[in-house]
Amino acid sequence: MSKRAYDNSVREQQRRQRRIEVVKAMAQAMSAGGDDIPLAEVARQAGVSKRTIYHYFPGRAARIEAVDQWLEAQVDVDEILPRDFGDIGDYI
């Protein structure tokens, strides 16, 4: 039996948007300082479960890398890059 192919573009767009919301919430949490990203707070701000965060970003390194990539995409090349996590809040 073959599976019926259908356009899944709406769901894919929702996944991308959900991932972006999680990354924004993680960046906000990082800008508050501290050594760790409080996933319960990130999940609440992004409107997802902690399980969803682990689905997209299975480890701490993946979460930090995602925030780094998102920040690089958001920052204009002519702007000064953040020097530490305390400067991230200005870029969000």
Protein backbone atom coordinates (compact mmCIF):
# COMPACT_ATOMS: atom_id res chain seq x y z
CA MET A 1 0.00 0.00 0.00
CA SER A 2 1.44 3.38 -0.93
CA LYS A 3 1.08 6.49 1.12
CA ARG A 4 -0.77 9.43 -0.34
CA ALA A 5 1.47 12.39 -0.98
CA TYR A 6 0.13 15.76 0.10
CA ASP A 7 1.39 19.27 0.48
CA ASN A 8 2.83 19.63 3.95
CA SER A 9 3.98 23.24 3.55
CA VAL A 10 1.66 24.63 6.25
CA ARG A 11 2.97 22.23 8.89
CA GLU A 12 6.54 22.86 7.81
CA GLN A 13 6.01 26.61 8.16
CA GLN A 14 4.51 26.07 11.63
CA ARG A 15 7.56 23.99 12.63
CA ARG A 16 9.94 26.68 11.42
CA GLN A 17 8.00 29.40 13.26
CA ARG A 18 7.86 27.33 16.47
CA ARG A 19 11.63 26.74 16.28
CA ILE A 20 12.24 30.48 15.82
CA GLU A 21 10.06 31.28 18.84
CA VAL A 22 12.05 28.80 20.93
CA VAL A 23 15.36 30.30 19.78
CA LYS A 24 14.12 33.83 20.59
CA ALA A 25 13.09 32.71 24.07
CA MET A 26 16.48 31.03 24.60
CA ALA A 27 18.28 34.20 23.49
CA GLN A 28 16.18 36.21 25.93
CA ALA A 29 17.04 33.78 28.73
CA MET A 30 20.74 33.97 27.85
CA SER A 31 20.65 37.75 27.93
CA ALA A 32 19.50 37.56 31.56
CA GLY A 33 22.87 35.98 32.37
CA GLY A 34 23.73 32.87 34.29
CA ASP A 35 25.41 29.65 33.37
CA ASP A 36 22.38 27.73 32.22
CA ILE A 37 19.30 28.29 30.09
CA PRO A 38 16.17 27.67 32.25
CA LEU A 39 14.22 25.41 29.89
CA ALA A 40 10.96 25.61 31.84
CA GLU A 41 10.97 29.39 31.42
CA VAL A 42 11.99 29.14 27.76
CA ALA A 43 9.16 26.70 27.13
CA ARG A 44 6.66 28.99 28.83
CA GLN A 45 7.77 32.04 26.85
CA ALA A 46 7.78 30.17 23.55
CA GLY A 47 4.44 28.50 24.24
CA VAL A 48 5.79 24.97 23.86
CA SER A 49 6.67 22.06 26.12
CA LYS A 50 10.17 21.22 27.34
CA ARG A 51 9.91 18.09 25.22
CA THR A 52 9.55 20.27 22.11
CA ILE A 53 12.73 22.13 23.02
CA TYR A 54 14.59 18.83 23.39
CA HIS A 55 13.15 17.70 20.05
CA TYR A 56 14.63 20.69 18.23
CA PHE A 57 17.76 21.06 20.38
CA PRO A 58 18.78 17.80 22.09
CA GLY A 59 21.72 19.22 24.01
CA ARG A 60 23.10 22.40 25.52
CA ALA A 61 25.62 22.82 22.69
CA ALA A 62 22.83 22.61 20.09
CA ARG A 63 20.84 25.29 21.94
CA ILE A 64 23.80 27.64 22.15
CA GLU A 65 24.68 27.05 18.49
CA ALA A 66 21.07 27.80 17.44
CA VAL A 67 21.06 31.09 19.35
CA ASP A 68 24.46 31.99 17.87
CA GLN A 69 23.26 31.31 14.31
CA TRP A 70 20.02 33.21 14.89
CA LEU A 71 21.90 36.22 16.28
CA GLU A 72 24.27 36.26 13.33
CA ALA A 73 21.31 36.23 10.96
CA GLN A 74 19.67 39.12 12.85
CA VAL A 75 22.68 41.40 13.19
CA ASP A 76 23.53 43.82 10.43
CA VAL A 77 27.11 43.41 9.28
CA ASP A 78 27.84 47.05 10.05
CA GLU A 79 26.65 46.77 13.64
CA ILE A 80 28.91 45.90 16.56
CA LEU A 81 28.45 42.30 17.65
CA PRO A 82 27.60 41.47 21.27
CA ARG A 83 30.65 40.88 23.46
CA ASP A 84 28.90 38.68 26.03
CA PHE A 85 25.49 37.27 26.97
CA GLY A 86 24.57 40.54 28.69
CA ASP A 87 24.62 42.35 25.34
CA ILE A 88 22.28 39.87 23.65
CA GLY A 89 19.12 41.53 24.99
CA ASP A 90 19.78 44.60 22.82
CA TYR A 91 19.72 42.46 19.68
CA ILE A 92 16.47 40.61 20.36
